[in-house]
Structures are given as structure tokens and as C-alpha cells.
């Protein structure tokens, strides 16, 4: 009798546990759908000089949509501008980082069989852009995890980002020996940043 009661209690407990798990999973699914809807509405362009939000069309390809050809995906341009509407310097630093990331993606997708040495200029540009992110204080606004999540918002982009990480990690010391920049390179990176910064100041008006 005690064995039967114990078995009955165990079965009831297990049933309640499974029911709670299923309920929680259903809540999570509904919550994810709600967050996706909010993300679409929140990301609508707040200023007339921004491109229209691409919506889900912007997720159909690896490189997304860059309708104004400034090197930044439209969805990222809108999100960062909404995040920092009155700070063109920080916006410029973040945009430089996203541009460098996008250029690395393009290089890998167009040259998948090249050795790591081919990608060193792209890697160095990413490192330079990261310095501007830290120097501007933008790192405190949007950490690396947040930037990566914003950039790699589809499975295809996540996979490409992993390929990029593998190129860098596989190279190991071989790529890190190029970490020092020449005066010409520093001037080039500063010029690129200033171009982005001037554009953002103009958009601010």
C-alpha cells in the first residue's frame, strides 16, 4: 500500500513538473515573439536623414541592406542613432567598429580560401576601430557582447562571425606580430574616423 502511495505521489510530482516546464516554455516563446515585435517598432527611424528600417528583409542576406552606401547596415545605423542621438563622437566610434566588421565579413565571403595573411589589413582595421570605441567612451554604452549581438542577428551572420574568429585564433602569434601600426596606418585610421565623425556631426544638424 505504501509503495502504491509513494508511486502515485511520484507520478503526480513528475506530472506537475512537466506541466510547469511546458508552461514556462510557452511563456518564453510568446515573450520572444513580443520582443521581436517591439524591436521592429522601436527601431523605426527617428530622424528624416536616416534610411528606412529594412525590417525582416534586412535579415535575408549575410550583408543586409545599406541603402545609403555608407558602409553600415541600415538597421545598425538606426539602432545606434536612437541609442546615442546627441553624441556624434561616440556614434562615429561605434560606426567605425561596425564598418570594420562588415568589411571583414565581405573579405571572408569573397575570398574564403585565402590564408590568414590576406586578412591582416582587415583585422588591423578592426583593432584600430576598437581603440576608438574605448577612447570615445562608447564601450561603456554598448559593450562588445551588445555590439556582437546587434551585428550577428541572424544564424548566417553568427556563423560568419565564428569563421572570422577562427581565422584570427588559428593565426595565433603569426597575426599578432602585425599588431603594431606604422605612422601611415595610424594616419589612415584617424582619417577614416574623422570622416565618419564629420558625417555624424552633419547629420546631427
Protein backbone atom coordinates (compact mmCIF):
# COMPACT_ATOMS: atom_id res chain seq x y z
CA UNK A 1 0.00 0.00 0.00
CA UNK A 2 2.78 2.41 0.96
CA UNK A 3 4.60 1.54 -2.24
CA UNK A 4 1.49 2.34 -4.31
CA UNK A 5 1.01 5.67 -2.50
CA UNK A 6 4.66 6.54 -3.00
CA UNK A 7 4.47 5.71 -6.68
CA UNK A 8 1.29 7.77 -7.02
CA UNK A 9 2.92 10.79 -5.36
CA UNK A 10 5.98 10.42 -7.59
CA UNK A 11 3.84 10.30 -10.75
CA UNK A 12 1.83 13.36 -9.63
CA UNK A 13 5.03 15.28 -8.84
CA UNK A 14 6.53 14.37 -12.20
CA UNK A 15 3.33 15.42 -13.98
CA UNK A 16 3.30 18.79 -12.22
CA UNK A 17 6.98 19.31 -13.05
CA UNK A 18 6.43 18.57 -16.74
CA UNK A 19 3.40 20.84 -16.83
CA UNK A 20 5.37 23.72 -15.29
CA UNK A 21 8.20 23.24 -17.83
CA UNK A 22 5.77 23.27 -20.75
CA UNK A 23 4.06 26.39 -19.38
CA UNK A 24 7.38 28.16 -18.95
CA UNK A 25 8.49 27.24 -22.49
CA UNK A 26 5.21 28.59 -23.87
CA UNK A 27 5.69 31.84 -21.96
CA UNK A 28 9.25 32.15 -23.28
CA UNK A 29 8.10 31.63 -26.87
CA UNK A 30 5.37 34.24 -26.52
CA UNK A 31 7.85 36.59 -24.85
CA UNK A 32 10.34 36.19 -27.70
CA UNK A 33 7.65 36.96 -30.27
CA UNK A 34 6.62 40.04 -28.30
CA UNK A 35 10.22 41.26 -28.06
CA UNK A 36 10.64 40.81 -31.82
CA UNK A 37 7.55 42.95 -32.46
CA UNK A 38 8.77 45.62 -30.05
CA UNK A 39 12.23 45.61 -31.66
CA UNK A 40 10.70 46.31 -35.06
CA UNK A 41 8.59 49.21 -33.80
CA UNK A 42 11.30 50.69 -31.57
CA UNK A 43 13.84 50.62 -34.39
CA UNK A 44 11.77 52.83 -36.68
CA UNK A 45 13.91 55.76 -37.87
CA UNK A 46 13.52 58.76 -35.56
CA UNK A 47 15.10 61.29 -37.94
CA UNK A 48 14.38 62.25 -41.54
CA UNK A 49 18.04 61.83 -42.54
CA UNK A 50 18.12 58.16 -41.63
CA UNK A 51 17.34 55.36 -44.11
CA UNK A 52 14.07 53.46 -43.67
CA UNK A 53 14.26 50.44 -41.41
CA UNK A 54 14.70 47.30 -43.56
CA UNK A 55 12.67 45.10 -41.22
CA UNK A 56 12.96 41.36 -41.83
CA UNK A 57 14.14 42.00 -45.40
CA UNK A 58 17.40 43.18 -43.89
CA UNK A 59 17.97 39.72 -42.43
CA UNK A 60 17.63 37.76 -45.66
CA UNK A 61 21.27 38.15 -46.74
CA UNK A 62 24.61 38.00 -44.96
CA UNK A 63 25.48 41.66 -45.55
CA UNK A 64 21.99 43.05 -45.04
CA UNK A 65 20.80 46.35 -46.52
CA UNK A 66 22.90 49.52 -46.69
CA UNK A 67 20.67 51.79 -48.75
CA UNK A 68 22.79 54.94 -48.35
CA UNK A 69 26.09 53.11 -49.08
CA UNK A 70 27.91 54.42 -46.01
CA UNK A 71 29.29 51.02 -45.06
CA UNK A 72 26.82 50.47 -42.19
CA UNK A 73 23.76 48.26 -42.32
CA UNK A 74 20.61 50.35 -42.12
CA UNK A 75 19.26 48.52 -39.06
CA UNK A 76 22.50 49.17 -37.16
CA UNK A 77 22.65 52.82 -38.23
CA UNK A 78 19.12 53.38 -36.93
CA UNK A 79 19.69 51.47 -33.66
CA UNK A 80 22.91 53.33 -32.79
CA UNK A 81 21.43 56.71 -33.69
CA UNK A 82 18.48 56.04 -31.40
CA UNK A 83 20.84 54.89 -28.67
CA UNK A 84 23.10 57.97 -28.95
CA UNK A 85 21.04 60.69 -30.68
CA UNK A 86 23.10 63.59 -29.27
CA UNK A 87 26.62 62.10 -29.19
CA UNK A 88 28.11 62.06 -32.70
CA UNK A 89 31.61 61.28 -31.42
CA UNK A 90 30.54 58.04 -29.73
CA UNK A 91 28.32 57.18 -32.69
CA UNK A 92 31.27 57.63 -35.04
CA UNK A 93 33.44 55.30 -32.95
CA UNK A 94 30.77 52.59 -32.92
CA UNK A 95 30.09 53.02 -36.63
CA UNK A 96 33.81 52.68 -37.35
CA UNK A 97 33.75 49.34 -35.47
CA UNK A 98 30.69 48.12 -37.38
CA UNK A 99 32.16 49.22 -40.72
CA UNK A 100 35.40 47.35 -39.99
CA UNK A 101 33.38 44.26 -39.05
CA UNK A 102 31.35 44.47 -42.24
CA UNK A 103 34.48 44.83 -44.36
CA UNK A 104 35.96 41.73 -42.71
CA UNK A 105 32.75 39.82 -43.46
CA UNK A 106 32.87 40.88 -47.10
CA UNK A 107 36.52 39.87 -47.39
CA UNK A 108 35.85 36.40 -45.99
CA UNK A 109 32.74 35.80 -48.10
CA UNK A 110 34.52 36.88 -51.29
CA UNK A 111 37.86 35.18 -50.51
CA UNK A 112 37.02 32.05 -48.47
CA UNK A 113 40.17 30.14 -49.41
CA UNK A 114 42.78 32.82 -48.74
CA UNK A 115 45.36 32.26 -45.96
CA UNK A 116 45.24 34.36 -42.80
CA UNK A 117 47.87 36.79 -44.12
CA UNK A 118 45.33 38.07 -46.64
CA UNK A 119 43.01 39.19 -43.82
CA UNK A 120 45.62 41.03 -41.72
CA UNK A 121 44.66 44.53 -43.03
CA UNK A 122 41.02 43.90 -42.09
CA UNK A 123 41.99 42.60 -38.68
CA UNK A 124 44.19 45.64 -38.03
CA UNK A 125 41.35 47.98 -39.01
CA UNK A 126 39.08 46.20 -36.53
CA UNK A 127 41.71 46.60 -33.80
CA UNK A 128 42.04 50.30 -34.62
CA UNK A 129 38.27 50.76 -34.55
CA UNK A 130 38.15 49.06 -31.15
CA UNK A 131 40.59 51.63 -29.80
CA UNK A 132 38.33 54.45 -30.93
CA UNK A 133 35.40 52.74 -29.20
CA UNK A 134 37.31 52.70 -25.91
CA UNK A 135 38.80 56.18 -26.28
CA UNK A 136 35.41 57.72 -27.02
CA UNK A 137 33.74 56.08 -24.03
CA UNK A 138 31.31 54.22 -26.30
CA UNK A 139 32.43 50.92 -24.73
CA UNK A 140 30.57 51.93 -21.57
CA UNK A 141 27.39 52.47 -23.59
CA UNK A 142 27.49 49.33 -25.73
CA UNK A 143 29.78 46.51 -24.64
CA UNK A 144 31.34 44.02 -27.05
CA UNK A 145 28.61 41.46 -26.35
CA UNK A 146 25.95 44.01 -27.25
CA UNK A 147 27.73 45.07 -30.43
CA UNK A 148 28.20 41.45 -31.49
CA UNK A 149 24.55 40.64 -30.80
CA UNK A 150 23.46 43.65 -32.86
CA UNK A 151 25.75 42.76 -35.74
CA UNK A 152 25.21 38.98 -35.71
CA UNK A 153 21.42 38.96 -35.55
CA UNK A 154 20.94 36.01 -37.91
CA UNK A 155 22.27 32.46 -37.96
CA UNK A 156 24.23 33.14 -41.15
CA UNK A 157 25.93 36.16 -39.59
CA UNK A 158 26.72 34.24 -36.41
CA UNK A 159 28.38 31.50 -38.45
CA UNK A 160 30.40 34.04 -40.42
CA UNK A 161 31.47 35.71 -37.18
CA UNK A 162 32.71 32.32 -35.93
CA UNK A 163 34.66 31.88 -39.16
CA UNK A 164 36.23 35.28 -38.62
CA UNK A 165 37.19 34.35 -35.05
CA UNK A 166 38.72 31.10 -36.29
CA UNK A 167 40.86 32.96 -38.81
CA UNK A 168 42.22 35.19 -36.06
CA UNK A 169 42.63 32.42 -33.46
CA UNK A 170 44.19 29.96 -35.91
CA UNK A 171 46.79 32.51 -36.85
CA UNK A 172 47.83 32.92 -33.22
CA UNK A 173 51.16 34.67 -32.85
CA UNK A 174 51.52 34.91 -36.59
CA UNK A 175 48.85 37.58 -36.83
CA UNK A 176 49.69 39.33 -33.56
CA UNK A 177 53.13 40.28 -34.80
CA UNK A 178 51.34 42.77 -37.06
CA UNK A 179 49.60 44.44 -34.12
CA UNK A 180 51.90 47.47 -34.21
CA UNK A 181 50.86 50.17 -36.67
CA UNK A 182 53.07 52.37 -38.76
CA UNK A 183 52.67 56.15 -38.79
CA UNK A 184 50.99 55.86 -42.20
CA UNK A 185 48.48 53.35 -40.85
CA UNK A 186 47.69 55.50 -37.81
CA UNK A 187 47.10 58.45 -40.10
CA UNK A 188 44.84 56.33 -42.31
CA UNK A 189 42.73 55.13 -39.38
CA UNK A 190 42.46 58.64 -37.95
CA UNK A 191 41.37 59.95 -41.33
CA UNK A 192 38.68 57.27 -41.60
CA UNK A 193 37.39 58.02 -38.13
CA UNK A 194 37.31 61.76 -38.78
CA UNK A 195 35.35 61.21 -41.99
CA UNK A 196 32.73 59.25 -40.08
CA UNK A 197 32.73 61.80 -37.26
CA UNK A 198 32.25 64.73 -39.64
CA UNK A 199 29.39 62.92 -41.32
CA UNK A 200 27.72 62.28 -37.98
CA UNK A 201 28.11 65.92 -36.94
CA UNK A 202 26.49 66.93 -40.23
CA UNK A 203 23.63 64.53 -39.65
CA UNK A 204 23.22 66.00 -36.18
CA UNK A 205 22.23 69.41 -37.62
